[in-house]
Amino acid sequence: MGVELKPETQAFVRELVAKGAYSSEQEAIEAALTIMRLDVEDAEAERQAIQEGLDSPFHAFDAQDTIRRGNHRWQARHRK
């Protein structure tokens, strides 16, 4: 596969190799693509988790009941 990079991207890759971050331009580009692949996979996993949450049964939230139960627990702990 042949790929053409913008001059500034080529310079960046060459700079990384010159600084010793990677042993070759090929290695630097493969590392960048690996990071991109992992980002895509993470985003897909997050989308799936969100969808699973949306698809799960809804449990109604009753604020007054939650406050009442919290007050009962507090009173039970602080009774003398």
N, C-alpha and C. Protein backbone atom coordinates (compact mmCIF):
# COMPACT_ATOMS: atom_id res chain seq x y z
N MET A 1 0.86 -1.17 0.00
CA MET A 1 0.00 0.00 0.00
C MET A 1 0.91 1.23 0.00
N GLY A 2 0.66 2.10 -0.91
CA GLY A 2 1.41 3.35 -0.96
C GLY A 2 0.58 4.47 -0.37
N VAL A 3 1.21 5.27 0.46
CA VAL A 3 0.50 6.37 1.11
C VAL A 3 1.33 7.63 0.96
N GLU A 4 0.67 8.73 0.60
CA GLU A 4 1.36 10.01 0.53
C GLU A 4 1.00 10.83 1.75
N LEU A 5 2.01 11.34 2.43
CA LEU A 5 1.78 12.16 3.61
C LEU A 5 2.07 13.62 3.28
N LYS A 6 1.38 14.51 3.97
CA LYS A 6 1.66 15.93 3.82
C LYS A 6 3.10 16.19 4.26
N PRO A 7 3.73 17.21 3.71
CA PRO A 7 5.12 17.51 4.07
C PRO A 7 5.32 17.70 5.58
N GLU A 8 4.38 18.35 6.25
CA GLU A 8 4.53 18.57 7.69
C GLU A 8 4.42 17.26 8.47
N THR A 9 3.59 16.34 7.97
CA THR A 9 3.47 15.03 8.61
C THR A 9 4.74 14.23 8.39
N GLN A 10 5.29 14.28 7.18
CA GLN A 10 6.56 13.61 6.90
C GLN A 10 7.66 14.14 7.82
N ALA A 11 7.71 15.45 7.99
CA ALA A 11 8.73 16.05 8.85
C ALA A 11 8.56 15.59 10.29
N PHE A 12 7.33 15.50 10.74
CA PHE A 12 7.07 15.05 12.11
C PHE A 12 7.53 13.61 12.31
N VAL A 13 7.20 12.74 11.37
CA VAL A 13 7.61 11.34 11.45
C VAL A 13 9.13 11.24 11.44
N ARG A 14 9.77 11.97 10.56
CA ARG A 14 11.24 11.94 10.50
C ARG A 14 11.85 12.47 11.79
N GLU A 15 11.24 13.47 12.38
CA GLU A 15 11.73 14.02 13.65
C GLU A 15 11.63 12.96 14.77
N LEU A 16 10.53 12.23 14.81
CA LEU A 16 10.38 11.18 15.80
C LEU A 16 11.47 10.12 15.66
N VAL A 17 11.76 9.75 14.43
CA VAL A 17 12.81 8.75 14.18
C VAL A 17 14.18 9.33 14.55
N ALA A 18 14.43 10.57 14.18
CA ALA A 18 15.72 11.20 14.49
C ALA A 18 15.94 11.32 15.99
N LYS A 19 14.88 11.55 16.76
CA LYS A 19 14.99 11.65 18.21
C LYS A 19 15.10 10.28 18.88
N GLY A 20 14.92 9.21 18.11
CA GLY A 20 15.05 7.87 18.65
C GLY A 20 13.77 7.29 19.23
N ALA A 21 12.66 7.99 19.04
CA ALA A 21 11.39 7.49 19.55
C ALA A 21 10.98 6.21 18.81
N TYR A 22 11.34 6.13 17.55
CA TYR A 22 11.05 4.96 16.73
C TYR A 22 12.28 4.64 15.91
N SER A 23 12.42 3.36 15.54
CA SER A 23 13.62 2.96 14.80
C SER A 23 13.48 3.22 13.30
N SER A 24 12.25 3.44 12.84
CA SER A 24 12.04 3.69 11.41
C SER A 24 10.75 4.48 11.21
N GLU A 25 10.63 5.05 10.04
CA GLU A 25 9.40 5.76 9.69
C GLU A 25 8.22 4.78 9.68
N GLN A 26 8.46 3.58 9.18
CA GLN A 26 7.43 2.54 9.15
C GLN A 26 6.92 2.25 10.55
N GLU A 27 7.85 2.11 11.51
CA GLU A 27 7.45 1.82 12.89
C GLU A 27 6.63 2.96 13.48
N ALA A 28 7.02 4.20 13.20
CA ALA A 28 6.28 5.36 13.72
C ALA A 28 4.86 5.40 13.17
N ILE A 29 4.71 5.14 11.89
CA ILE A 29 3.38 5.17 11.28
C ILE A 29 2.54 4.01 11.78
N GLU A 30 3.13 2.83 11.93
CA GLU A 30 2.39 1.69 12.46
C GLU A 30 1.92 1.96 13.90
N ALA A 31 2.77 2.62 14.69
CA ALA A 31 2.38 2.96 16.06
C ALA A 31 1.20 3.92 16.05
N ALA A 32 1.23 4.90 15.17
CA ALA A 32 0.13 5.86 15.08
C ALA A 32 -1.17 5.16 14.68
N LEU A 33 -1.08 4.24 13.74
CA LEU A 33 -2.27 3.52 13.31
C LEU A 33 -2.77 2.58 14.39
N THR A 34 -1.89 2.02 15.18
CA THR A 34 -2.30 1.18 16.30
C THR A 34 -3.09 2.00 17.31
N ILE A 35 -2.59 3.19 17.61
CA ILE A 35 -3.30 4.08 18.54
C ILE A 35 -4.67 4.44 17.97
N MET A 36 -4.73 4.73 16.70
CA MET A 36 -6.01 5.07 16.07
C MET A 36 -6.98 3.89 16.16
N ARG A 37 -6.50 2.67 15.89
CA ARG A 37 -7.35 1.48 15.96
C ARG A 37 -7.89 1.29 17.37
N LEU A 38 -7.01 1.46 18.37
CA LEU A 38 -7.44 1.30 19.76
C LEU A 38 -8.48 2.35 20.14
N ASP A 39 -8.30 3.58 19.66
CA ASP A 39 -9.29 4.64 19.92
C ASP A 39 -10.65 4.28 19.33
N VAL A 40 -10.65 3.75 18.11
CA VAL A 40 -11.89 3.36 17.46
C VAL A 40 -12.55 2.23 18.23
N GLU A 41 -11.75 1.24 18.66
CA GLU A 41 -12.30 0.12 19.43
C GLU A 41 -12.87 0.60 20.77
N ASP A 42 -12.16 1.51 21.45
CA ASP A 42 -12.66 2.05 22.72
C ASP A 42 -13.97 2.80 22.52
N ALA A 43 -14.04 3.60 21.46
CA ALA A 43 -15.26 4.36 21.19
C ALA A 43 -16.43 3.41 20.91
N GLU A 44 -16.16 2.33 20.20
CA GLU A 44 -17.23 1.36 19.91
C GLU A 44 -17.68 0.67 21.19
N ALA A 45 -16.75 0.32 22.06
CA ALA A 45 -17.11 -0.31 23.34
C ALA A 45 -17.95 0.65 24.19
N GLU A 46 -17.61 1.93 24.18
CA GLU A 46 -18.39 2.93 24.92
C GLU A 46 -19.79 3.05 24.34
N ARG A 47 -19.89 3.07 23.01
CA ARG A 47 -21.21 3.15 22.37
C ARG A 47 -22.06 1.94 22.75
N GLN A 48 -21.44 0.76 22.77
CA GLN A 48 -22.19 -0.45 23.12
C GLN A 48 -22.66 -0.39 24.57
N ALA A 49 -21.78 0.08 25.48
CA ALA A 49 -22.16 0.17 26.89
C ALA A 49 -23.31 1.16 27.08
N ILE A 50 -23.26 2.27 26.38
CA ILE A 50 -24.34 3.26 26.47
C ILE A 50 -25.64 2.65 25.95
N GLN A 51 -25.56 1.95 24.83
CA GLN A 51 -26.77 1.35 24.26
C GLN A 51 -27.33 0.29 25.20
N GLU A 52 -26.47 -0.50 25.83
CA GLU A 52 -26.95 -1.50 26.79
C GLU A 52 -27.67 -0.82 27.95
N GLY A 53 -27.13 0.31 28.40
CA GLY A 53 -27.80 1.05 29.46
C GLY A 53 -29.15 1.58 29.02
N LEU A 54 -29.21 2.08 27.80
CA LEU A 54 -30.47 2.60 27.28
C LEU A 54 -31.49 1.48 27.07
N ASP A 55 -31.00 0.30 26.72
CA ASP A 55 -31.90 -0.83 26.47
C ASP A 55 -32.33 -1.55 27.75
N SER A 56 -31.68 -1.28 28.86
CA SER A 56 -32.01 -1.99 30.10
C SER A 56 -33.33 -1.47 30.66
N PRO A 57 -33.97 -2.30 31.48
CA PRO A 57 -35.26 -1.88 32.05
C PRO A 57 -35.10 -0.59 32.87
N PHE A 58 -36.09 0.25 32.75
CA PHE A 58 -36.07 1.52 33.47
C PHE A 58 -36.57 1.31 34.89
N HIS A 59 -35.84 1.85 35.85
CA HIS A 59 -36.26 1.80 37.24
C HIS A 59 -36.59 3.23 37.67
N ALA A 60 -37.83 3.42 38.02
CA ALA A 60 -38.27 4.75 38.40
C ALA A 60 -37.52 5.23 39.64
N PHE A 61 -37.23 6.50 39.66
CA PHE A 61 -36.53 7.11 40.78
C PHE A 61 -37.52 8.01 41.52
N ASP A 62 -37.66 7.75 42.81
CA ASP A 62 -38.55 8.54 43.65
C ASP A 62 -37.69 9.30 44.65
N ALA A 63 -37.49 10.57 44.41
CA ALA A 63 -36.62 11.38 45.27
C ALA A 63 -37.12 11.43 46.70
N GLN A 64 -38.41 11.58 46.88
CA GLN A 64 -38.95 11.67 48.24
C GLN A 64 -38.71 10.37 49.00
N ASP A 65 -38.89 9.24 48.34
CA ASP A 65 -38.65 7.96 48.99
C ASP A 65 -37.16 7.81 49.35
N THR A 66 -36.29 8.23 48.47
CA THR A 66 -34.85 8.16 48.74
C THR A 66 -34.49 9.02 49.94
N ILE A 67 -35.03 10.22 50.01
CA ILE A 67 -34.76 11.11 51.15
C ILE A 67 -35.32 10.50 52.44
N ARG A 68 -36.52 9.97 52.37
CA ARG A 68 -37.15 9.35 53.54
C ARG A 68 -36.30 8.19 54.05
N ARG A 69 -35.84 7.31 53.15
CA ARG A 69 -35.00 6.18 53.57
C ARG A 69 -33.67 6.65 54.14
N GLY A 70 -33.11 7.70 53.55
CA GLY A 70 -31.85 8.27 54.07
C GLY A 70 -32.04 8.84 55.46
N ASN A 71 -33.15 9.53 55.68
CA ASN A 71 -33.45 10.09 57.01
C ASN A 71 -33.61 8.98 58.05
N HIS A 72 -34.30 7.90 57.68
CA HIS A 72 -34.47 6.78 58.61
C HIS A 72 -33.12 6.18 58.98
N ARG A 73 -32.24 6.01 57.99
CA ARG A 73 -30.91 5.45 58.27
C ARG A 73 -30.12 6.39 59.18
N TRP A 74 -30.21 7.69 58.91
CA TRP A 74 -29.47 8.67 59.72
C TRP A 74 -29.99 8.63 61.16
N GLN A 75 -31.31 8.61 61.33
CA GLN A 75 -31.89 8.60 62.66
C GLN A 75 -31.51 7.32 63.41
N ALA A 76 -31.49 6.20 62.70
CA ALA A 76 -31.12 4.94 63.35
C ALA A 76 -29.68 4.96 63.85
N ARG A 77 -28.81 5.61 63.11
CA ARG A 77 -27.41 5.68 63.53
C ARG A 77 -27.16 6.68 64.64
N HIS A 78 -28.02 7.67 64.75
CA HIS A 78 -27.78 8.75 65.71
C HIS A 78 -28.72 8.71 66.92
N ARG A 79 -29.44 7.64 67.10
CA ARG A 79 -30.32 7.51 68.28
C ARG A 79 -29.46 7.24 69.51
N LYS A 80 -29.93 7.76 70.61
CA LYS A 80 -29.20 7.54 71.87
C LYS A 80 -30.04 6.73 72.81
